[in-house]
N, C-alpha and C. Protein backbone atom coordinates (compact mmCIF):
# COMPACT_ATOMS: atom_id res chain seq x y z
N MET A 1 4.76 -55.98 -38.16
CA MET A 1 4.17 -54.93 -37.53
C MET A 1 4.75 -54.88 -36.05
N LYS A 2 5.34 -53.75 -35.68
CA LYS A 2 5.80 -53.55 -34.25
C LYS A 2 5.11 -52.34 -33.69
N ALA A 3 4.64 -52.55 -32.31
CA ALA A 3 4.09 -51.58 -31.68
C ALA A 3 4.88 -51.27 -30.39
N LYS A 4 4.97 -49.97 -29.92
CA LYS A 4 5.68 -49.57 -28.80
C LYS A 4 5.09 -48.29 -28.19
N ILE A 5 4.88 -48.39 -26.82
CA ILE A 5 4.45 -47.17 -26.12
C ILE A 5 5.63 -46.11 -26.00
N GLU A 6 5.29 -44.95 -26.58
CA GLU A 6 6.35 -43.82 -26.50
C GLU A 6 5.80 -42.76 -25.61
N LYS A 7 6.43 -41.70 -25.52
CA LYS A 7 6.01 -40.60 -24.67
C LYS A 7 4.90 -39.80 -25.43
N GLY A 8 3.65 -40.02 -25.04
CA GLY A 8 2.59 -39.26 -25.59
C GLY A 8 1.77 -39.77 -26.73
N TYR A 9 2.34 -41.07 -27.14
CA TYR A 9 1.67 -41.73 -28.23
C TYR A 9 2.05 -43.26 -28.20
N ILE A 10 1.39 -44.10 -29.01
CA ILE A 10 1.81 -45.40 -29.27
C ILE A 10 2.30 -45.59 -30.70
N SER A 11 3.52 -45.92 -30.88
CA SER A 11 4.12 -45.97 -32.32
C SER A 11 3.84 -47.44 -32.84
N ILE A 12 3.51 -47.38 -34.12
CA ILE A 12 3.42 -48.71 -34.76
C ILE A 12 4.23 -48.49 -36.16
N VAL A 13 5.09 -49.52 -36.31
CA VAL A 13 5.93 -49.58 -37.47
C VAL A 13 5.25 -50.61 -38.47
N SER A 14 4.69 -50.17 -39.63
CA SER A 14 4.06 -50.94 -40.62
C SER A 14 4.16 -50.30 -41.86
N PRO A 15 4.90 -50.76 -42.87
CA PRO A 15 4.96 -50.18 -44.19
C PRO A 15 3.58 -50.31 -44.96
N LYS A 16 2.99 -51.49 -44.70
CA LYS A 16 1.68 -51.72 -45.43
C LYS A 16 0.62 -50.84 -44.92
N LEU A 17 0.49 -50.67 -43.63
CA LEU A 17 -0.52 -49.76 -43.05
C LEU A 17 -0.24 -48.29 -43.44
N THR A 18 1.01 -47.94 -43.41
CA THR A 18 1.30 -46.45 -43.82
C THR A 18 0.89 -46.31 -45.26
N TRP A 19 1.30 -47.36 -46.19
CA TRP A 19 0.87 -47.19 -47.56
C TRP A 19 -0.61 -47.04 -47.68
N PHE A 20 -1.34 -47.82 -47.01
CA PHE A 20 -2.78 -47.75 -47.06
C PHE A 20 -3.33 -46.39 -46.58
N CYS A 21 -2.85 -45.89 -45.38
CA CYS A 21 -3.21 -44.47 -44.98
C CYS A 21 -2.79 -43.49 -46.06
N GLY A 22 -1.78 -43.71 -46.79
CA GLY A 22 -1.20 -42.75 -47.78
C GLY A 22 -2.16 -42.63 -49.01
N LEU A 23 -3.15 -43.52 -49.12
CA LEU A 23 -4.07 -43.42 -50.20
C LEU A 23 -4.83 -42.16 -50.09
N TRP A 24 -5.16 -41.71 -48.92
CA TRP A 24 -5.92 -40.50 -48.58
C TRP A 24 -5.17 -39.31 -49.13
N SER A 25 -3.82 -39.37 -49.12
CA SER A 25 -2.98 -38.09 -49.45
C SER A 25 -2.72 -38.12 -50.87
N GLY A 26 -3.03 -39.26 -51.64
CA GLY A 26 -2.72 -39.19 -53.06
C GLY A 26 -1.34 -39.68 -53.37
N SER A 27 -0.71 -40.05 -52.49
CA SER A 27 0.77 -40.58 -52.73
C SER A 27 1.08 -41.62 -51.68
N PRO A 28 0.49 -42.76 -51.84
CA PRO A 28 0.77 -43.86 -50.80
C PRO A 28 2.23 -44.29 -50.76
N LYS A 29 2.94 -44.26 -51.90
CA LYS A 29 4.34 -44.73 -51.85
C LYS A 29 5.17 -43.66 -51.06
N LEU A 30 4.74 -42.39 -50.99
CA LEU A 30 5.56 -41.49 -50.23
C LEU A 30 5.20 -41.28 -48.85
N ALA A 31 4.04 -41.76 -48.44
CA ALA A 31 3.66 -41.64 -46.96
C ALA A 31 4.61 -42.16 -46.01
N ARG A 32 4.98 -41.40 -45.07
CA ARG A 32 5.88 -41.72 -44.01
C ARG A 32 5.34 -42.04 -42.74
N ALA A 33 4.15 -41.40 -42.38
CA ALA A 33 3.48 -41.62 -41.19
C ALA A 33 1.90 -41.18 -41.21
N ALA A 34 1.27 -41.65 -40.31
CA ALA A 34 -0.18 -41.34 -40.22
C ALA A 34 -0.58 -41.30 -38.74
N ALA A 35 -1.50 -40.37 -38.33
CA ALA A 35 -1.89 -40.21 -36.94
C ALA A 35 -3.27 -40.73 -36.77
N PHE A 36 -3.58 -41.56 -35.88
CA PHE A 36 -4.93 -41.93 -35.36
C PHE A 36 -4.87 -42.05 -33.85
N PHE A 37 -5.22 -40.95 -33.22
CA PHE A 37 -5.03 -40.84 -31.73
C PHE A 37 -5.48 -42.18 -31.04
N PRO A 38 -4.54 -42.79 -30.27
CA PRO A 38 -3.21 -42.30 -29.79
C PRO A 38 -2.12 -43.01 -30.47
N PHE A 39 -2.33 -43.35 -31.83
CA PHE A 39 -1.34 -44.14 -32.50
C PHE A 39 -0.72 -43.31 -33.60
N ILE A 40 0.56 -43.48 -33.69
CA ILE A 40 1.22 -42.91 -34.92
C ILE A 40 1.83 -44.16 -35.68
N VAL A 41 1.41 -44.29 -36.91
CA VAL A 41 1.81 -45.43 -37.83
C VAL A 41 2.90 -44.84 -38.57
N PHE A 42 4.19 -45.44 -38.48
CA PHE A 42 5.37 -45.16 -39.24
C PHE A 42 5.65 -46.12 -40.32
N ARG A 43 6.26 -45.82 -41.41
CA ARG A 43 6.65 -46.68 -42.52
C ARG A 43 7.84 -47.44 -41.94
N SER A 44 8.78 -46.87 -41.31
CA SER A 44 9.98 -47.49 -40.73
C SER A 44 10.49 -46.87 -39.49
N GLU A 45 11.32 -47.57 -38.70
CA GLU A 45 12.01 -47.02 -37.50
C GLU A 45 12.65 -45.59 -37.87
N ASP A 46 13.19 -45.64 -39.01
CA ASP A 46 14.08 -44.45 -39.52
C ASP A 46 13.17 -43.16 -39.49
N GLU A 47 11.84 -43.38 -39.60
CA GLU A 47 10.81 -42.14 -39.81
C GLU A 47 10.50 -41.60 -38.49
N LYS A 48 10.95 -42.07 -37.35
CA LYS A 48 10.68 -41.68 -36.01
C LYS A 48 11.61 -40.45 -35.78
N VAL A 49 11.35 -39.28 -36.44
CA VAL A 49 12.17 -38.10 -36.33
C VAL A 49 11.37 -37.02 -35.57
N PRO A 50 11.94 -36.19 -34.91
CA PRO A 50 11.15 -35.15 -34.10
C PRO A 50 10.20 -34.39 -34.87
N TRP A 51 10.48 -33.86 -36.08
CA TRP A 51 9.63 -33.08 -36.88
C TRP A 51 8.36 -33.84 -37.33
N LEU A 52 8.62 -35.14 -37.58
CA LEU A 52 7.51 -35.98 -38.12
C LEU A 52 6.49 -36.21 -36.89
N ILE A 53 7.11 -36.54 -35.79
CA ILE A 53 6.25 -36.84 -34.60
C ILE A 53 5.51 -35.62 -34.20
N SER A 54 6.14 -34.37 -34.35
CA SER A 54 5.42 -33.13 -34.03
C SER A 54 4.27 -32.94 -34.97
N HIS A 55 4.48 -33.22 -36.31
CA HIS A 55 3.43 -33.01 -37.32
C HIS A 55 2.35 -33.97 -36.92
N GLU A 56 2.53 -35.21 -36.61
CA GLU A 56 1.50 -36.11 -36.35
C GLU A 56 0.74 -35.75 -35.01
N ARG A 57 1.50 -35.21 -34.06
CA ARG A 57 0.93 -34.85 -32.75
C ARG A 57 -0.04 -33.56 -33.00
N ILE A 58 0.20 -32.72 -33.89
CA ILE A 58 -0.69 -31.65 -34.21
C ILE A 58 -1.91 -32.29 -34.74
N HIS A 59 -1.86 -33.30 -35.65
CA HIS A 59 -3.12 -34.07 -36.09
C HIS A 59 -3.89 -34.58 -34.81
N PHE A 60 -3.14 -35.15 -33.82
CA PHE A 60 -3.92 -35.57 -32.68
C PHE A 60 -4.75 -34.62 -32.05
N ARG A 61 -4.12 -33.31 -31.93
CA ARG A 61 -4.94 -32.27 -31.26
C ARG A 61 -6.15 -31.86 -32.24
N GLN A 62 -5.95 -31.95 -33.53
CA GLN A 62 -7.07 -31.57 -34.41
C GLN A 62 -8.14 -32.67 -34.28
N GLN A 63 -7.75 -33.95 -34.23
CA GLN A 63 -8.67 -35.07 -34.12
C GLN A 63 -9.54 -34.98 -32.82
N LEU A 64 -8.82 -34.65 -31.74
CA LEU A 64 -9.57 -34.53 -30.36
C LEU A 64 -10.55 -33.35 -30.32
N GLU A 65 -10.13 -32.26 -30.95
CA GLU A 65 -11.03 -30.96 -31.02
C GLU A 65 -12.25 -31.21 -31.84
N THR A 66 -12.13 -31.99 -32.98
CA THR A 66 -13.27 -32.28 -33.88
C THR A 66 -13.95 -33.59 -33.69
N ALA A 67 -13.60 -34.27 -32.63
CA ALA A 67 -14.27 -35.61 -32.33
C ALA A 67 -14.02 -36.51 -33.46
N PHE A 68 -12.87 -36.55 -34.03
CA PHE A 68 -12.45 -37.43 -35.00
C PHE A 68 -13.27 -37.27 -36.36
N VAL A 69 -14.66 -37.52 -36.25
CA VAL A 69 -15.45 -37.47 -37.40
C VAL A 69 -15.48 -36.10 -38.02
N GLY A 70 -15.40 -35.14 -37.30
CA GLY A 70 -15.46 -33.71 -37.75
C GLY A 70 -14.28 -33.51 -38.70
N LEU A 71 -13.17 -33.92 -38.23
CA LEU A 71 -11.92 -33.74 -39.05
C LEU A 71 -12.02 -34.52 -40.36
N LEU A 72 -12.48 -35.67 -40.38
CA LEU A 72 -12.67 -36.43 -41.59
C LEU A 72 -13.65 -35.71 -42.47
N VAL A 73 -14.81 -35.26 -41.96
CA VAL A 73 -15.89 -34.53 -42.84
C VAL A 73 -15.29 -33.32 -43.38
N TRP A 74 -14.60 -32.45 -42.61
CA TRP A 74 -14.00 -31.23 -42.96
C TRP A 74 -12.91 -31.40 -44.07
N SER A 75 -12.11 -32.46 -43.73
CA SER A 75 -10.96 -32.70 -44.82
C SER A 75 -11.56 -33.20 -46.03
N PHE A 76 -12.52 -33.88 -46.06
CA PHE A 76 -13.26 -34.47 -47.32
C PHE A 76 -13.87 -33.29 -47.98
N LEU A 77 -14.52 -32.20 -47.35
CA LEU A 77 -15.25 -31.15 -48.02
C LEU A 77 -13.98 -30.19 -48.73
N GLU A 78 -12.94 -29.99 -47.85
CA GLU A 78 -11.84 -29.26 -48.38
C GLU A 78 -11.26 -29.85 -49.58
N THR A 79 -11.06 -31.24 -49.61
CA THR A 79 -10.55 -32.01 -50.77
C THR A 79 -11.42 -31.89 -52.00
N LEU A 80 -12.78 -31.99 -51.75
CA LEU A 80 -13.72 -31.85 -52.94
C LEU A 80 -13.59 -30.46 -53.48
N TYR A 81 -13.47 -29.40 -52.65
CA TYR A 81 -13.46 -28.05 -53.12
C TYR A 81 -12.05 -27.94 -53.96
N ALA A 82 -10.94 -28.35 -53.39
CA ALA A 82 -9.68 -28.17 -54.04
C ALA A 82 -9.70 -28.97 -55.38
N ARG A 83 -10.32 -30.14 -55.38
CA ARG A 83 -10.30 -31.05 -56.57
C ARG A 83 -11.15 -30.46 -57.64
N PHE A 84 -12.38 -30.12 -57.28
CA PHE A 84 -13.42 -29.85 -58.42
C PHE A 84 -13.52 -28.41 -58.68
N VAL A 85 -13.36 -27.55 -57.70
CA VAL A 85 -13.44 -26.01 -57.98
C VAL A 85 -12.10 -25.43 -58.37
N LEU A 86 -11.10 -25.72 -57.61
CA LEU A 86 -9.70 -25.32 -57.93
C LEU A 86 -8.98 -26.17 -58.84
N LYS A 87 -9.51 -27.31 -59.18
CA LYS A 87 -8.93 -28.20 -60.26
C LYS A 87 -7.42 -28.69 -59.73
N LYS A 88 -7.29 -28.91 -58.51
CA LYS A 88 -5.92 -29.37 -57.99
C LYS A 88 -5.82 -30.89 -58.17
N SER A 89 -4.66 -31.39 -58.26
CA SER A 89 -4.40 -32.85 -58.17
C SER A 89 -4.71 -33.35 -56.83
N LEU A 90 -4.78 -34.67 -56.67
CA LEU A 90 -5.08 -35.28 -55.30
C LEU A 90 -4.06 -34.89 -54.28
N LYS A 91 -2.75 -34.92 -54.74
CA LYS A 91 -1.68 -34.56 -53.86
C LYS A 91 -1.80 -33.09 -53.40
N GLU A 92 -2.09 -32.21 -54.47
CA GLU A 92 -2.21 -30.77 -54.13
C GLU A 92 -3.39 -30.46 -53.26
N ALA A 93 -4.50 -31.21 -53.43
CA ALA A 93 -5.67 -31.06 -52.59
C ALA A 93 -5.42 -31.43 -51.16
N TYR A 94 -4.63 -32.64 -51.07
CA TYR A 94 -4.14 -33.06 -49.67
C TYR A 94 -3.40 -31.82 -48.99
N LEU A 95 -2.43 -31.31 -49.72
CA LEU A 95 -1.67 -30.22 -49.14
C LEU A 95 -2.53 -28.96 -48.88
N TYR A 96 -3.66 -28.80 -49.53
CA TYR A 96 -4.43 -27.66 -49.49
C TYR A 96 -5.19 -27.62 -48.14
N ARG A 97 -5.58 -28.88 -47.64
CA ARG A 97 -6.47 -28.90 -46.46
C ARG A 97 -5.93 -28.18 -45.20
N SER A 98 -6.74 -27.51 -44.50
CA SER A 98 -6.38 -26.78 -43.35
C SER A 98 -5.61 -27.56 -42.33
N SER A 99 -6.02 -28.82 -42.19
CA SER A 99 -5.32 -29.63 -41.26
C SER A 99 -3.81 -29.90 -41.54
N GLU A 100 -3.59 -30.03 -42.85
CA GLU A 100 -2.21 -30.21 -43.30
C GLU A 100 -1.56 -28.91 -43.34
N GLN A 101 -2.12 -27.88 -43.71
CA GLN A 101 -1.48 -26.57 -43.55
C GLN A 101 -0.99 -26.21 -42.23
N GLU A 102 -1.83 -26.54 -41.17
CA GLU A 102 -1.46 -26.17 -39.94
C GLU A 102 -0.23 -27.11 -39.44
N ALA A 103 -0.44 -28.42 -39.78
CA ALA A 103 0.56 -29.35 -39.34
C ALA A 103 2.04 -29.14 -40.01
N TYR A 104 1.96 -28.93 -41.32
CA TYR A 104 3.18 -28.72 -42.10
C TYR A 104 3.90 -27.46 -41.57
N ARG A 105 3.06 -26.39 -41.60
CA ARG A 105 3.65 -25.08 -41.20
C ARG A 105 4.13 -24.96 -39.76
N ASN A 106 3.81 -25.81 -38.91
CA ASN A 106 4.23 -25.83 -37.44
C ASN A 106 5.07 -27.01 -37.04
N GLN A 107 5.22 -27.90 -37.88
CA GLN A 107 6.03 -29.10 -37.53
C GLN A 107 7.44 -28.81 -36.86
N GLN A 108 8.00 -27.84 -37.18
CA GLN A 108 9.41 -27.65 -36.75
C GLN A 108 9.42 -26.79 -35.49
N ASN A 109 8.26 -26.30 -35.11
CA ASN A 109 8.12 -25.58 -33.86
C ASN A 109 7.66 -26.51 -32.76
N PHE A 110 8.64 -27.15 -32.04
CA PHE A 110 8.46 -28.14 -31.16
C PHE A 110 7.63 -27.85 -29.93
N SER A 111 7.41 -26.49 -29.56
CA SER A 111 6.66 -26.03 -28.51
C SER A 111 5.31 -25.46 -28.91
N TYR A 112 4.99 -25.71 -30.21
CA TYR A 112 3.74 -25.18 -30.79
C TYR A 112 2.49 -25.61 -30.04
N LEU A 113 2.43 -27.01 -29.66
CA LEU A 113 1.24 -27.43 -29.04
C LEU A 113 1.01 -26.91 -27.58
N GLU A 114 2.12 -26.49 -27.00
CA GLU A 114 2.06 -25.72 -25.78
C GLU A 114 1.23 -24.45 -25.73
N SER A 115 1.24 -23.78 -26.79
CA SER A 115 0.69 -22.44 -26.96
C SER A 115 -0.35 -22.44 -28.06
N ARG A 116 -0.70 -23.56 -28.60
CA ARG A 116 -1.67 -23.63 -29.73
C ARG A 116 -3.16 -23.28 -29.24
N PRO A 117 -3.74 -22.31 -29.84
CA PRO A 117 -5.05 -21.97 -29.36
C PRO A 117 -6.07 -23.02 -29.83
N LEU A 118 -7.19 -23.14 -29.15
CA LEU A 118 -8.24 -24.04 -29.45
C LEU A 118 -8.71 -23.81 -30.88
N TRP A 119 -9.00 -24.79 -31.59
CA TRP A 119 -9.57 -24.66 -33.03
C TRP A 119 -8.55 -23.95 -33.96
N ALA A 120 -7.25 -23.95 -33.65
CA ALA A 120 -6.33 -23.18 -34.48
C ALA A 120 -6.29 -23.73 -35.91
N GLN A 121 -6.74 -24.87 -36.16
CA GLN A 121 -6.76 -25.42 -37.54
C GLN A 121 -7.62 -24.49 -38.44
N PHE A 122 -8.68 -24.04 -37.93
CA PHE A 122 -9.64 -23.16 -38.79
C PHE A 122 -9.07 -21.85 -39.20
N LYS A 123 -7.90 -21.40 -38.65
CA LYS A 123 -7.14 -20.17 -39.07
C LYS A 123 -6.63 -20.50 -40.46
N TYR A 124 -6.31 -21.71 -40.80
CA TYR A 124 -5.62 -22.11 -42.05
C TYR A 124 -6.82 -22.37 -43.10
N VAL A 125 -8.03 -22.24 -42.81
CA VAL A 125 -9.04 -22.46 -43.98
C VAL A 125 -8.86 -21.16 -44.84
N ARG A 126 -8.58 -20.07 -44.31
CA ARG A 126 -8.59 -18.82 -45.05
C ARG A 126 -7.14 -18.44 -45.30
N ASP A 127 -6.18 -19.01 -44.75
CA ASP A 127 -4.77 -18.52 -44.84
C ASP A 127 -3.99 -19.81 -45.52
N LYS A 128 -4.26 -20.00 -46.74
CA LYS A 128 -3.53 -21.00 -47.60
C LYS A 128 -2.21 -20.63 -48.06
N LYS A 129 -1.22 -21.54 -48.01
CA LYS A 129 -0.02 -21.13 -48.72
C LYS A 129 0.42 -22.40 -49.38
N ALA A 130 0.89 -22.21 -50.73
CA ALA A 130 1.37 -23.35 -51.46
C ALA A 130 2.81 -23.47 -51.10
N PHE A 131 3.17 -24.85 -50.97
CA PHE A 131 4.56 -25.16 -50.53
C PHE A 131 4.92 -26.41 -51.16
N THR A 132 6.30 -26.77 -51.09
CA THR A 132 6.83 -28.01 -51.55
C THR A 132 7.84 -28.45 -50.58
N PHE A 133 8.49 -29.54 -50.76
CA PHE A 133 9.44 -30.08 -49.88
C PHE A 133 10.80 -29.95 -50.21
N GLY A 134 11.67 -29.61 -49.27
CA GLY A 134 13.14 -29.57 -49.53
C GLY A 134 13.74 -30.78 -48.82
N SER A 135 14.71 -30.66 -48.05
CA SER A 135 15.28 -31.72 -47.25
C SER A 135 14.29 -32.23 -46.28
N PRO A 136 14.45 -33.45 -45.67
CA PRO A 136 13.43 -33.92 -44.82
C PRO A 136 12.97 -32.98 -43.68
N GLY A 137 11.71 -32.77 -43.68
CA GLY A 137 11.23 -31.77 -42.72
C GLY A 137 11.19 -30.34 -43.09
N GLU A 138 11.78 -30.03 -44.17
CA GLU A 138 11.90 -28.58 -44.74
C GLU A 138 10.69 -28.29 -45.58
N ILE A 139 10.06 -27.15 -45.31
CA ILE A 139 8.97 -26.64 -46.10
C ILE A 139 9.40 -25.49 -46.93
N ILE A 140 9.14 -25.55 -48.27
CA ILE A 140 9.60 -24.43 -49.18
C ILE A 140 8.28 -23.89 -49.65
N PHE A 141 8.02 -22.51 -49.37
CA PHE A 141 6.78 -21.94 -49.87
C PHE A 141 7.02 -21.57 -51.37
N THR A 142 5.97 -21.74 -52.12
CA THR A 142 6.09 -21.50 -53.55
C THR A 142 4.89 -20.49 -53.94
N SER A 143 4.92 -19.89 -55.16
CA SER A 143 3.89 -19.05 -55.53
C SER A 143 2.86 -19.90 -56.30
N ASP A 144 1.68 -19.96 -55.83
CA ASP A 144 0.60 -20.74 -56.43
C ASP A 144 -0.51 -19.73 -56.52
N PRO A 145 -0.94 -19.35 -57.83
CA PRO A 145 -1.92 -18.35 -58.05
C PRO A 145 -3.19 -18.59 -57.24
N SER A 146 -3.70 -19.80 -57.23
CA SER A 146 -5.09 -19.98 -56.51
C SER A 146 -4.86 -19.90 -54.98
N ALA A 147 -3.76 -20.31 -54.48
CA ALA A 147 -3.53 -20.14 -52.96
C ALA A 147 -3.33 -18.77 -52.56
N SER A 148 -2.42 -18.01 -53.36
CA SER A 148 -2.17 -16.62 -52.96
C SER A 148 -3.37 -15.73 -53.29
N GLN A 149 -4.08 -15.99 -54.23
CA GLN A 149 -5.34 -15.23 -54.59
C GLN A 149 -6.27 -15.40 -53.49
N GLU A 150 -6.58 -16.62 -53.12
CA GLU A 150 -7.44 -16.79 -51.99
C GLU A 150 -7.00 -16.12 -50.67
N THR A 151 -5.64 -16.18 -50.48
CA THR A 151 -5.23 -15.48 -49.19
C THR A 151 -5.53 -14.05 -49.31
N GLN A 152 -5.21 -13.48 -50.52
CA GLN A 152 -5.53 -11.99 -50.70
C GLN A 152 -6.96 -11.59 -50.56
N GLU A 153 -7.82 -12.39 -51.07
CA GLU A 153 -9.21 -12.17 -51.08
C GLU A 153 -9.76 -12.18 -49.67
N SER A 154 -9.23 -13.01 -48.82
CA SER A 154 -9.55 -13.11 -47.37
C SER A 154 -9.25 -12.16 -46.53
N ARG A 155 -8.36 -11.22 -46.94
CA ARG A 155 -7.87 -10.06 -46.06
C ARG A 155 -8.72 -8.91 -46.19
């Protein structure tokens, strides 16, 4: 395990810790990074790419706004809803969370945090979009009936 002070965060490179954190997402083998303010845990040095750092720094802001515990409780409730009401897999439930929706949908906008409104995460509670992944950092929106139906109902 290696730790280093970076600009705006402390990086830790630890494949085991990243795997453990990935249990929460439903795919520990695929986990690349995890954020626990002020730390970003990376699977390897190669994972320290701008879009992934941006993604994790969005989580920093969410953690600070909700005093950490609030984000955990909210994410847990959204996961329960996605799993048991919408019948989504653990991986799909992870991507359904408003915190992940905000982070994934804005990770390529490197100035997002400069203009991000307070409590922006909660906009994504009602504005869910199904997506999958293309090349590293690329998000591809897909048509998911439960996600698009919920979005239409909320309008």
